[in-house]
Amino acid sequence: VQLQASGGGLVQAGGSLRLSCAASGRTVSSCAVGWFRQAPGKEREFVAAIGWSGTHTDYAASAKGRFSISRDNAKKEVYLQMNSLKSEDTAIYYCAAGVRANRGVLAGTTITDEFDYWGQGTQVTVSS
């Protein structure tokens, strides 16, 4: 499975961005897909994840109510719609996938270590 994140950019606080994760590989439709981010000087953190069917989602507390994750299995793409952006959302955003990760997403307890495939990130900068 190969992943490529895109859609990042510079946006003012309160604005919106839509990130895309393009996936390739025969097993990607069986994978949960997650979005993670890493700000300068901070550890990588979970943002949102979606199960293989798109029925189940899981969000970090910081993302709930502002971000929405969705997927189109026919296109092998996963999206992260980010609204009401804040300066603290500034980070490099990565998408990741894994079959094992479905278990955590379905339970609402996404586990980072269960994502086996990682793409290169896309920079999101929110100016205040």
C-alpha atoms as a PDB file:
ATOM      1  CA  VAL A   1       0.000   0.000   0.000  1.00  0.00           C
ATOM      2  CA  GLN A   2       1.307   3.425  -0.938  1.00  0.00           C
ATOM      3  CA  LEU A   3      -0.160   6.681   0.299  1.00  0.00           C
ATOM      4  CA  GLN A   4       0.180  10.269  -0.852  1.00  0.00           C
ATOM      5  CA  ALA A   5      -1.240  13.168   1.144  1.00  0.00           C
ATOM      6  CA  SER A   6      -2.082  16.493  -0.472  1.00  0.00           C
ATOM      7  CA  GLY A   7      -4.167  19.597   0.020  1.00  0.00           C
ATOM      8  CA  GLY A   8      -2.170  21.399   2.652  1.00  0.00           C
ATOM      9  CA  GLY A   9      -1.439  25.086   2.523  1.00  0.00           C
ATOM     10  CA  LEU A  10      -1.593  28.405   4.289  1.00  0.00           C
ATOM     11  CA  VAL A  11      -4.943  29.511   5.678  1.00  0.00           C
ATOM     12  CA  GLN A  12      -6.133  32.129   8.114  1.00  0.00           C
ATOM     13  CA  ALA A  13      -7.545  31.175  11.470  1.00  0.00           C
ATOM     14  CA  GLY A  14     -11.208  30.289  11.129  1.00  0.00           C
ATOM     15  CA  GLY A  15     -10.723  29.064   7.587  1.00  0.00           C
ATOM     16  CA  SER A  16     -11.038  25.618   6.065  1.00  0.00           C
ATOM     17  CA  LEU A  17      -8.889  23.116   4.206  1.00  0.00           C
ATOM     18  CA  ARG A  18      -9.589  19.725   2.711  1.00  0.00           C
ATOM     19  CA  LEU A  19      -6.791  17.198   2.770  1.00  0.00           C
ATOM     20  CA  SER A  20      -6.742  14.194   0.456  1.00  0.00           C
ATOM     21  CA  CYS A  21      -4.960  10.883   0.800  1.00  0.00           C
ATOM     22  CA  ALA A  22      -4.567   8.938  -2.433  1.00  0.00           C
ATOM     23  CA  ALA A  23      -3.908   5.248  -1.905  1.00  0.00           C
ATOM     24  CA  SER A  24      -2.729   2.464  -4.137  1.00  0.00           C
ATOM     25  CA  GLY A  25      -2.462  -1.244  -3.589  1.00  0.00           C
ATOM     26  CA  ARG A  26      -4.799  -4.213  -3.700  1.00  0.00           C
ATOM     27  CA  THR A  27      -5.480  -4.359   0.033  1.00  0.00           C
ATOM     28  CA  VAL A  28      -6.156  -0.685   0.639  1.00  0.00           C
ATOM     29  CA  SER A  29      -9.939  -1.136   0.587  1.00  0.00           C
ATOM     30  CA  SER A  30      -9.555  -3.455   3.603  1.00  0.00           C
ATOM     31  CA  CYS A  31      -7.531  -0.929   5.551  1.00  0.00           C
ATOM     32  CA  ALA A  32      -8.570   1.611   8.109  1.00  0.00           C
ATOM     33  CA  VAL A  33      -7.058   4.976   7.201  1.00  0.00           C
ATOM     34  CA  GLY A  34      -6.027   7.614   9.666  1.00  0.00           C
ATOM     35  CA  TRP A  35      -4.751  11.152   9.728  1.00  0.00           C
ATOM     36  CA  PHE A  36      -1.976  12.136  12.087  1.00  0.00           C
ATOM     37  CA  ARG A  37      -0.061  15.353  12.552  1.00  0.00           C
ATOM     38  CA  GLN A  38       3.242  16.532  13.924  1.00  0.00           C
ATOM     39  CA  ALA A  39       3.989  20.102  14.911  1.00  0.00           C
ATOM     40  CA  PRO A  40       7.553  21.415  15.312  1.00  0.00           C
ATOM     41  CA  GLY A  41       9.056  20.208  18.558  1.00  0.00           C
ATOM     42  CA  LYS A  42       6.103  17.985  19.352  1.00  0.00           C
ATOM     43  CA  GLU A  43       5.363  14.313  19.028  1.00  0.00           C
ATOM     44  CA  ARG A  44       3.146  12.936  16.329  1.00  0.00           C
ATOM     45  CA  GLU A  45      -0.503  12.805  17.366  1.00  0.00           C
ATOM     46  CA  PHE A  46      -3.660  11.138  16.153  1.00  0.00           C
ATOM     47  CA  VAL A  47      -6.279  13.325  14.464  1.00  0.00           C
ATOM     48  CA  ALA A  48      -8.963  11.133  12.883  1.00  0.00           C
ATOM     49  CA  ALA A  49      -9.479   7.675  11.430  1.00  0.00           C
ATOM     50  CA  ILE A  50     -12.046   5.806   9.380  1.00  0.00           C
ATOM     51  CA  GLY A  51     -12.725   2.107   9.113  1.00  0.00           C
ATOM     52  CA  TRP A  52     -12.504   0.094   5.920  1.00  0.00           C
ATOM     53  CA  SER A  53     -16.187   0.480   5.038  1.00  0.00           C
ATOM     54  CA  GLY A  54     -16.471   4.132   5.954  1.00  0.00           C
ATOM     55  CA  THR A  55     -19.149   3.381   8.543  1.00  0.00           C
ATOM     56  CA  HIS A  56     -16.982   3.857  11.620  1.00  0.00           C
ATOM     57  CA  THR A  57     -14.929   6.914  12.455  1.00  0.00           C
ATOM     58  CA  ASP A  58     -12.852   8.048  15.394  1.00  0.00           C
ATOM     59  CA  TYR A  59     -11.611  11.525  16.273  1.00  0.00           C
ATOM     60  CA  ALA A  60      -9.185  13.086  18.676  1.00  0.00           C
ATOM     61  CA  ALA A  61     -10.821  15.448  21.123  1.00  0.00           C
ATOM     62  CA  SER A  62      -9.128  18.385  19.388  1.00  0.00           C
ATOM     63  CA  ALA A  63     -10.744  17.428  16.069  1.00  0.00           C
ATOM     64  CA  LYS A  64     -14.279  16.614  17.160  1.00  0.00           C
ATOM     65  CA  GLY A  65     -16.853  19.056  15.834  1.00  0.00           C
ATOM     66  CA  ARG A  66     -14.378  20.752  13.497  1.00  0.00           C
ATOM     67  CA  PHE A  67     -12.895  17.980  11.338  1.00  0.00           C
ATOM     68  CA  SER A  68     -14.644  15.331   9.290  1.00  0.00           C
ATOM     69  CA  ILE A  69     -13.067  12.240   7.763  1.00  0.00           C
ATOM     70  CA  SER A  70     -14.556  10.369   4.814  1.00  0.00           C
ATOM     71  CA  ARG A  71     -13.469   7.922   2.147  1.00  0.00           C
ATOM     72  CA  ASP A  72     -14.294   6.913  -1.406  1.00  0.00           C
ATOM     73  CA  ASN A  73     -13.190   3.314  -1.871  1.00  0.00           C
ATOM     74  CA  ALA A  74     -13.926   3.390  -5.596  1.00  0.00           C
ATOM     75  CA  LYS A  75     -11.384   6.184  -5.979  1.00  0.00           C
ATOM     76  CA  LYS A  76      -9.120   4.826  -3.205  1.00  0.00           C
ATOM     77  CA  GLU A  77      -9.108   8.217  -1.562  1.00  0.00           C
ATOM     78  CA  VAL A  78      -9.636   9.434   1.991  1.00  0.00           C
ATOM     79  CA  TYR A  79     -10.424  13.024   2.882  1.00  0.00           C
ATOM     80  CA  LEU A  80     -10.070  15.200   5.939  1.00  0.00           C
ATOM     81  CA  GLN A  81     -12.285  18.266   5.904  1.00  0.00           C
ATOM     82  CA  MET A  82     -10.946  20.755   8.415  1.00  0.00           C
ATOM     83  CA  ASN A  83     -13.099  23.701   9.448  1.00  0.00           C
ATOM     84  CA  SER A  84     -12.683  26.475  12.011  1.00  0.00           C
ATOM     85  CA  LEU A  85      -8.937  26.067  11.856  1.00  0.00           C
ATOM     86  CA  LYS A  86      -6.804  27.377  14.704  1.00  0.00           C
ATOM     87  CA  SER A  87      -3.141  28.297  14.887  1.00  0.00           C
ATOM     88  CA  GLU A  88      -2.551  25.193  16.994  1.00  0.00           C
ATOM     89  CA  ASP A  89      -3.623  23.063  14.031  1.00  0.00           C
ATOM     90  CA  THR A  90      -0.406  24.065  12.275  1.00  0.00           C
ATOM     91  CA  ALA A  91       1.551  20.888  11.583  1.00  0.00           C
ATOM     92  CA  ILE A  92       2.595  18.392   8.962  1.00  0.00           C
ATOM     93  CA  TYR A  93      -0.335  16.080   8.354  1.00  0.00           C
ATOM     94  CA  TYR A  94       0.242  12.427   7.435  1.00  0.00           C
ATOM     95  CA  CYS A  95      -2.144   9.735   6.312  1.00  0.00           C
ATOM     96  CA  ALA A  96      -1.606   6.130   7.275  1.00  0.00           C
ATOM     97  CA  ALA A  97      -3.332   2.819   6.638  1.00  0.00           C
ATOM     98  CA  GLY A  98      -3.518  -0.610   8.152  1.00  0.00           C
ATOM     99  CA  VAL A  99      -5.800  -3.608   8.269  1.00  0.00           C
ATOM    100  CA  ARG A 100      -5.128  -4.172  11.981  1.00  0.00           C
ATOM    101  CA  ALA A 101      -6.151  -0.577  12.680  1.00  0.00           C
ATOM    102  CA  ASN A 102      -9.795  -1.385  11.927  1.00  0.00           C
ATOM    103  CA  ARG A 103     -10.110  -2.953  15.368  1.00  0.00           C
ATOM    104  CA  GLY A 104      -9.232   0.241  17.199  1.00  0.00           C
ATOM    105  CA  VAL A 105     -11.283   2.478  14.945  1.00  0.00           C
ATOM    106  CA  LEU A 106     -14.390   0.329  15.415  1.00  0.00           C
ATOM    107  CA  ALA A 107     -13.887   0.460  19.163  1.00  0.00           C
ATOM    108  CA  GLY A 108     -13.306   4.199  19.164  1.00  0.00           C
ATOM    109  CA  THR A 109      -9.781   3.709  20.464  1.00  0.00           C
ATOM    110  CA  THR A 110      -7.529   4.151  17.447  1.00  0.00           C
ATOM    111  CA  ILE A 111      -4.059   2.734  18.025  1.00  0.00           C
ATOM    112  CA  THR A 112      -1.224   4.395  16.105  1.00  0.00           C
ATOM    113  CA  ASP A 113       0.975   1.292  16.145  1.00  0.00           C
ATOM    114  CA  GLU A 114      -1.663  -0.633  14.194  1.00  0.00           C
ATOM    115  CA  PHE A 115      -1.107   1.527  11.103  1.00  0.00           C
ATOM    116  CA  ASP A 116       1.493  -0.241   8.952  1.00  0.00           C
ATOM    117  CA  TYR A 117       1.686   2.053   5.937  1.00  0.00           C
ATOM    118  CA  TRP A 118       2.555   5.738   6.019  1.00  0.00           C
ATOM    119  CA  GLY A 119       2.651   8.402   3.376  1.00  0.00           C
ATOM    120  CA  GLN A 120       4.653  11.584   3.140  1.00  0.00           C
ATOM    121  CA  GLY A 121       3.037  14.535   4.818  1.00  0.00           C
ATOM    122  CA  THR A 122       1.457  17.754   3.698  1.00  0.00           C
ATOM    123  CA  GLN A 123       2.084  21.018   5.517  1.00  0.00           C
ATOM    124  CA  VAL A 124      -0.826  22.907   7.044  1.00  0.00           C
ATOM    125  CA  THR A 125      -0.112  26.401   8.334  1.00  0.00           C
ATOM    126  CA  VAL A 126      -2.798  28.422  10.080  1.00  0.00           C
ATOM    127  CA  SER A 127      -2.039  32.087  10.561  1.00  0.00           C
ATOM    128  CA  SER A 128      -3.622  33.973  13.431  1.00  0.00           C
END
